Amino acid sequence: MEPKAHKSPLLTELLEYSFVSFKLRGFSIYPDLSADREVSMSKKVNPIDVEQFLEKTNFPAQKNDIITFAKNDHAPEPILAALQNIPDRQYSNPQDAAKETFSAEDEPQGPMGIDSCED
């Protein structure tokens, strides 16, 4: 026979008050996944990911056709945002469109490879 859980009316009232107070102050007992989503959406998209996503698109294609395909195929938000910023022209293949999503700001700054060693 299992022991009965004792529910104190005072404890129940205190827990309810704490929960309501917590919610009224804008807090939640559930993790806020929107914060993680905003962080990941603010990251730059990798042109290789764009290229792989566009492999199923028919080329040559205009920018608007590429964006329509991306929306219909449920592209992740970073890929869709990157495609909306490419120049308005015809693209011959996925690589052609993907390279337009690359920005020199994405390139690491400073020496790389053997030049990065101070020895």
C-alpha atoms as a PDB file:
ATOM      1  CA  MET A   1       0.000   0.000   0.000  1.00  0.00           C
ATOM      2  CA  GLU A   2       1.415   3.399  -1.057  1.00  0.00           C
ATOM      3  CA  PRO A   3       1.622   6.167   1.491  1.00  0.00           C
ATOM      4  CA  LYS A   4      -0.818   8.993   0.881  1.00  0.00           C
ATOM      5  CA  ALA A   5       0.676  12.304  -0.052  1.00  0.00           C
ATOM      6  CA  HIS A   6      -0.267  14.932   2.477  1.00  0.00           C
ATOM      7  CA  LYS A   7      -1.407  18.124   0.802  1.00  0.00           C
ATOM      8  CA  SER A   8      -1.274  21.045   3.108  1.00  0.00           C
ATOM      9  CA  PRO A   9      -3.745  23.802   2.176  1.00  0.00           C
ATOM     10  CA  LEU A  10      -1.143  26.373   3.214  1.00  0.00           C
ATOM     11  CA  LEU A  11       1.539  24.787   1.030  1.00  0.00           C
ATOM     12  CA  THR A  12      -0.869  24.545  -1.914  1.00  0.00           C
ATOM     13  CA  GLU A  13      -1.856  28.195  -1.535  1.00  0.00           C
ATOM     14  CA  LEU A  14       1.784  29.262  -1.235  1.00  0.00           C
ATOM     15  CA  LEU A  15       2.747  27.345  -4.379  1.00  0.00           C
ATOM     16  CA  GLU A  16      -0.171  28.812  -6.330  1.00  0.00           C
ATOM     17  CA  TYR A  17       0.708  32.324  -5.134  1.00  0.00           C
ATOM     18  CA  SER A  18       4.369  31.829  -6.063  1.00  0.00           C
ATOM     19  CA  PHE A  19       3.456  30.546  -9.519  1.00  0.00           C
ATOM     20  CA  VAL A  20       1.064  33.448 -10.202  1.00  0.00           C
ATOM     21  CA  SER A  21       3.566  35.973  -8.850  1.00  0.00           C
ATOM     22  CA  PHE A  22       6.283  34.415 -10.962  1.00  0.00           C
ATOM     23  CA  LYS A  23       4.126  34.637 -14.099  1.00  0.00           C
ATOM     24  CA  LEU A  24       3.036  38.229 -13.374  1.00  0.00           C
ATOM     25  CA  ARG A  25       6.664  39.304 -13.204  1.00  0.00           C
ATOM     26  CA  GLY A  26       7.219  37.896 -16.708  1.00  0.00           C
ATOM     27  CA  PHE A  27       8.974  34.719 -15.674  1.00  0.00           C
ATOM     28  CA  SER A  28       8.065  31.216 -16.703  1.00  0.00           C
ATOM     29  CA  ILE A  29       8.775  27.789 -15.317  1.00  0.00           C
ATOM     30  CA  TYR A  30       9.331  26.662 -18.917  1.00  0.00           C
ATOM     31  CA  PRO A  31      12.602  27.341 -20.720  1.00  0.00           C
ATOM     32  CA  ASP A  32      12.479  30.301 -23.079  1.00  0.00           C
ATOM     33  CA  LEU A  33      13.391  28.756 -26.398  1.00  0.00           C
ATOM     34  CA  SER A  34      12.789  31.988 -28.294  1.00  0.00           C
ATOM     35  CA  ALA A  35      16.034  33.427 -26.933  1.00  0.00           C
ATOM     36  CA  ASP A  36      17.990  30.508 -28.424  1.00  0.00           C
ATOM     37  CA  ARG A  37      16.065  30.852 -31.667  1.00  0.00           C
ATOM     38  CA  GLU A  38      16.958  34.559 -31.919  1.00  0.00           C
ATOM     39  CA  VAL A  39      20.632  33.829 -31.342  1.00  0.00           C
ATOM     40  CA  SER A  40      20.760  31.148 -34.007  1.00  0.00           C
ATOM     41  CA  MET A  41      18.815  33.303 -36.449  1.00  0.00           C
ATOM     42  CA  SER A  42      21.194  36.202 -36.005  1.00  0.00           C
ATOM     43  CA  LYS A  43      24.202  34.105 -37.045  1.00  0.00           C
ATOM     44  CA  LYS A  44      25.476  34.403 -40.586  1.00  0.00           C
ATOM     45  CA  VAL A  45      24.413  31.630 -42.909  1.00  0.00           C
ATOM     46  CA  ASN A  46      27.032  29.340 -44.385  1.00  0.00           C
ATOM     47  CA  PRO A  47      26.994  29.548 -48.210  1.00  0.00           C
ATOM     48  CA  ILE A  48      27.582  25.785 -48.343  1.00  0.00           C
ATOM     49  CA  ASP A  49      24.290  25.261 -46.479  1.00  0.00           C
ATOM     50  CA  VAL A  50      22.548  27.544 -48.981  1.00  0.00           C
ATOM     51  CA  GLU A  51      24.065  25.613 -51.885  1.00  0.00           C
ATOM     52  CA  GLN A  52      22.976  22.262 -50.454  1.00  0.00           C
ATOM     53  CA  PHE A  53      19.460  23.571 -49.842  1.00  0.00           C
ATOM     54  CA  LEU A  54      19.196  24.848 -53.421  1.00  0.00           C
ATOM     55  CA  GLU A  55      20.307  21.549 -55.010  1.00  0.00           C
ATOM     56  CA  LYS A  56      16.617  20.641 -55.484  1.00  0.00           C
ATOM     57  CA  THR A  57      15.835  23.894 -57.325  1.00  0.00           C
ATOM     58  CA  ASN A  58      15.524  24.059 -61.104  1.00  0.00           C
ATOM     59  CA  PHE A  59      18.206  26.276 -62.636  1.00  0.00           C
ATOM     60  CA  PRO A  60      18.638  28.683 -64.335  1.00  0.00           C
ATOM     61  CA  ALA A  61      16.374  30.621 -61.980  1.00  0.00           C
ATOM     62  CA  GLN A  62      15.584  34.211 -61.109  1.00  0.00           C
ATOM     63  CA  LYS A  63      15.980  35.489 -57.551  1.00  0.00           C
ATOM     64  CA  ASN A  64      12.181  35.527 -57.049  1.00  0.00           C
ATOM     65  CA  ASP A  65      11.921  31.894 -58.207  1.00  0.00           C
ATOM     66  CA  ILE A  66      14.651  30.868 -55.774  1.00  0.00           C
ATOM     67  CA  ILE A  67      12.929  32.652 -52.878  1.00  0.00           C
ATOM     68  CA  THR A  68       9.575  31.087 -53.790  1.00  0.00           C
ATOM     69  CA  PHE A  69      11.192  27.642 -53.830  1.00  0.00           C
ATOM     70  CA  ALA A  70      12.848  28.315 -50.468  1.00  0.00           C
ATOM     71  CA  LYS A  71       9.566  29.393 -48.864  1.00  0.00           C
ATOM     72  CA  ASN A  72       7.640  26.445 -50.325  1.00  0.00           C
ATOM     73  CA  ASP A  73      10.334  24.007 -49.206  1.00  0.00           C
ATOM     74  CA  HIS A  74      10.355  25.471 -45.674  1.00  0.00           C
ATOM     75  CA  ALA A  75      13.864  26.899 -45.740  1.00  0.00           C
ATOM     76  CA  PRO A  76      15.353  27.724 -42.347  1.00  0.00           C
ATOM     77  CA  GLU A  77      15.004  31.436 -41.574  1.00  0.00           C
ATOM     78  CA  PRO A  78      18.742  32.228 -41.928  1.00  0.00           C
ATOM     79  CA  ILE A  79      18.819  30.718 -45.428  1.00  0.00           C
ATOM     80  CA  LEU A  80      15.645  32.521 -46.468  1.00  0.00           C
ATOM     81  CA  ALA A  81      16.968  35.837 -45.116  1.00  0.00           C
ATOM     82  CA  ALA A  82      20.258  35.374 -46.959  1.00  0.00           C
ATOM     83  CA  LEU A  83      18.475  34.603 -50.230  1.00  0.00           C
ATOM     84  CA  GLN A  84      16.308  37.694 -49.884  1.00  0.00           C
ATOM     85  CA  ASN A  85      19.483  39.792 -49.818  1.00  0.00           C
ATOM     86  CA  ILE A  86      21.085  38.430 -53.004  1.00  0.00           C
ATOM     87  CA  PRO A  87      21.092  40.630 -56.135  1.00  0.00           C
ATOM     88  CA  ASP A  88      18.020  40.471 -58.361  1.00  0.00           C
ATOM     89  CA  ARG A  89      19.251  38.562 -61.418  1.00  0.00           C
ATOM     90  CA  GLN A  90      19.228  35.120 -63.034  1.00  0.00           C
ATOM     91  CA  TYR A  91      21.394  32.423 -61.430  1.00  0.00           C
ATOM     92  CA  SER A  92      22.780  29.525 -63.436  1.00  0.00           C
ATOM     93  CA  ASN A  93      23.212  26.995 -60.609  1.00  0.00           C
ATOM     94  CA  PRO A  94      23.068  26.591 -56.797  1.00  0.00           C
ATOM     95  CA  GLN A  95      26.732  27.581 -56.415  1.00  0.00           C
ATOM     96  CA  ASP A  96      26.112  30.817 -58.317  1.00  0.00           C
ATOM     97  CA  ALA A  97      23.296  31.809 -55.936  1.00  0.00           C
ATOM     98  CA  ALA A  98      25.053  30.553 -52.782  1.00  0.00           C
ATOM     99  CA  LYS A  99      28.230  32.551 -53.401  1.00  0.00           C
ATOM    100  CA  GLU A 100      26.116  35.735 -53.303  1.00  0.00           C
ATOM    101  CA  THR A 101      25.256  34.972 -49.664  1.00  0.00           C
ATOM    102  CA  PHE A 102      28.930  35.155 -48.700  1.00  0.00           C
ATOM    103  CA  SER A 103      30.166  38.397 -47.255  1.00  0.00           C
ATOM    104  CA  ALA A 104      33.761  39.539 -46.743  1.00  0.00           C
ATOM    105  CA  GLU A 105      32.706  40.338 -43.163  1.00  0.00           C
ATOM    106  CA  ASP A 106      32.340  36.579 -42.639  1.00  0.00           C
ATOM    107  CA  GLU A 107      35.993  36.035 -43.521  1.00  0.00           C
ATOM    108  CA  PRO A 108      38.315  35.645 -40.499  1.00  0.00           C
ATOM    109  CA  GLN A 109      40.528  38.673 -40.009  1.00  0.00           C
ATOM    110  CA  GLY A 110      44.269  38.559 -39.528  1.00  0.00           C
ATOM    111  CA  PRO A 111      46.913  36.072 -40.599  1.00  0.00           C
ATOM    112  CA  MET A 112      45.926  32.487 -41.237  1.00  0.00           C
ATOM    113  CA  GLY A 113      47.811  29.262 -41.752  1.00  0.00           C
ATOM    114  CA  ILE A 114      51.570  29.302 -41.261  1.00  0.00           C
ATOM    115  CA  ASP A 115      51.566  33.121 -41.100  1.00  0.00           C
ATOM    116  CA  SER A 116      49.465  32.984 -37.940  1.00  0.00           C
ATOM    117  CA  CYS A 117      52.280  31.403 -35.901  1.00  0.00           C
ATOM    118  CA  GLU A 118      54.566  33.717 -33.986  1.00  0.00           C
ATOM    119  CA  ASP A 119      57.435  31.247 -33.608  1.00  0.00           C
END
